[in-house]
């Protein structure tokens, strides 16, 4: 489950997945880009092309669910560490890039 290409991943500040309830900014939109034939996150003056299950993760980001709850919905117990780590890394990267609150 890689939502960004490996070369795009940077070290990010970590949030506590049991308490952080990420949400998209009000101006953000999830759309399917027919030209690219992929999902994108549209922000003012930015387009984030989503890879893999990025859209599935962002559809659960609503400010009410913790990261742990999102992970549990995506991968019922027992959650493989790779999925857990990928989701946390993806959300932290988006936060660092200013795409999540």
Protein backbone atom coordinates (compact mmCIF):
# COMPACT_ATOMS: atom_id res chain seq x y z
CA UNK A 1 0.00 0.00 0.00
CA UNK A 2 2.06 2.90 -1.21
CA UNK A 3 0.18 6.09 -1.86
CA UNK A 4 3.28 8.03 -2.94
CA UNK A 5 6.18 6.80 -5.01
CA UNK A 6 9.06 5.72 -2.80
CA UNK A 7 11.27 8.54 -4.13
CA UNK A 8 8.73 11.10 -2.88
CA UNK A 9 8.78 9.98 0.75
CA UNK A 10 10.62 12.29 3.14
CA UNK A 11 11.20 12.08 6.84
CA UNK A 12 8.21 13.66 8.58
CA UNK A 13 7.29 14.70 12.07
CA UNK A 14 5.31 11.91 13.66
CA UNK A 15 1.89 12.39 15.22
CA UNK A 16 0.49 10.01 17.81
CA UNK A 17 -1.74 7.69 15.71
CA UNK A 18 -3.95 6.92 18.69
CA UNK A 19 -4.97 10.56 19.22
CA UNK A 20 -4.40 12.43 15.92
CA UNK A 21 -7.65 12.95 13.99
CA UNK A 22 -6.46 14.19 10.60
CA UNK A 23 -8.74 16.18 8.34
CA UNK A 24 -8.48 17.73 4.92
CA UNK A 25 -8.56 21.52 4.61
CA UNK A 26 -11.95 22.94 3.61
CA UNK A 27 -10.70 23.80 0.12
CA UNK A 28 -9.38 20.27 -0.58
CA UNK A 29 -11.21 17.99 -3.01
CA UNK A 30 -10.71 14.33 -3.90
CA UNK A 31 -11.35 13.74 -7.60
CA UNK A 32 -10.66 11.28 -10.39
CA UNK A 33 -8.47 12.86 -13.06
CA UNK A 34 -9.59 11.39 -16.37
CA UNK A 35 -6.50 12.63 -18.21
CA UNK A 36 -4.13 10.87 -15.79
CA UNK A 37 -6.67 8.09 -15.10
CA UNK A 38 -5.91 8.29 -11.40
CA UNK A 39 -7.19 9.87 -8.20
CA UNK A 40 -5.94 13.31 -7.22
CA UNK A 41 -6.16 15.59 -4.22
CA UNK A 42 -6.91 19.11 -5.39
CA UNK A 43 -5.81 22.02 -3.25
CA UNK A 44 -5.53 25.71 -4.10
CA UNK A 45 -2.66 25.96 -6.59
CA UNK A 46 -1.68 22.28 -6.05
CA UNK A 47 -2.55 18.87 -7.39
CA UNK A 48 -1.38 15.78 -5.50
CA UNK A 49 -1.47 12.64 -7.65
CA UNK A 50 -2.43 9.69 -5.47
CA UNK A 51 -0.94 6.23 -6.00
CA UNK A 52 -2.11 2.87 -4.72
CA UNK A 53 -4.66 3.13 -1.94
CA UNK A 54 -4.12 6.83 -1.22
CA UNK A 55 -7.70 7.73 -2.09
CA UNK A 56 -9.11 4.97 0.15
CA UNK A 57 -7.11 6.37 3.06
CA UNK A 58 -8.15 9.98 2.39
CA UNK A 59 -11.83 9.06 2.08
CA UNK A 60 -11.65 8.04 5.76
CA UNK A 61 -9.88 11.23 6.86
CA UNK A 62 -12.73 13.35 8.21
CA UNK A 63 -11.47 14.80 11.48
CA UNK A 64 -13.49 12.38 13.59
CA UNK A 65 -11.45 9.18 13.20
CA UNK A 66 -8.02 8.67 14.71
CA UNK A 67 -5.26 7.28 12.52
CA UNK A 68 -5.54 3.98 14.41
CA UNK A 69 -9.27 3.82 13.59
CA UNK A 70 -8.55 4.51 9.92
CA UNK A 71 -5.95 1.72 9.87
CA UNK A 72 -8.39 -0.71 11.50
CA UNK A 73 -11.07 0.07 8.91
CA UNK A 74 -8.62 -0.45 6.04
CA UNK A 75 -7.07 -3.65 7.39
CA UNK A 76 -8.98 -5.62 10.00
CA UNK A 77 -6.98 -7.20 12.83
CA UNK A 78 -4.33 -8.30 12.95
CA UNK A 79 -3.01 -5.33 10.99
CA UNK A 80 0.31 -6.07 9.27
CA UNK A 81 3.02 -3.64 10.37
CA UNK A 82 3.75 -2.71 6.77
CA UNK A 83 0.19 -1.44 6.22
CA UNK A 84 0.17 0.41 9.53
CA UNK A 85 3.56 2.03 8.81
CA UNK A 86 2.54 2.97 5.24
CA UNK A 87 -0.69 4.67 6.35
CA UNK A 88 1.05 6.59 9.14
CA UNK A 89 3.89 7.64 6.82
CA UNK A 90 1.43 8.72 4.11
CA UNK A 91 -0.66 10.85 6.48
CA UNK A 92 2.40 12.40 8.12
CA UNK A 93 3.83 13.28 4.70
CA UNK A 94 0.60 14.97 3.67
CA UNK A 95 0.57 16.90 6.94
CA UNK A 96 4.17 18.02 6.43
CA UNK A 97 3.27 19.13 2.89
CA UNK A 98 0.37 21.21 4.27
CA UNK A 99 -2.34 18.97 2.83
CA UNK A 100 -3.80 17.82 6.16
CA UNK A 101 -4.72 19.47 9.43
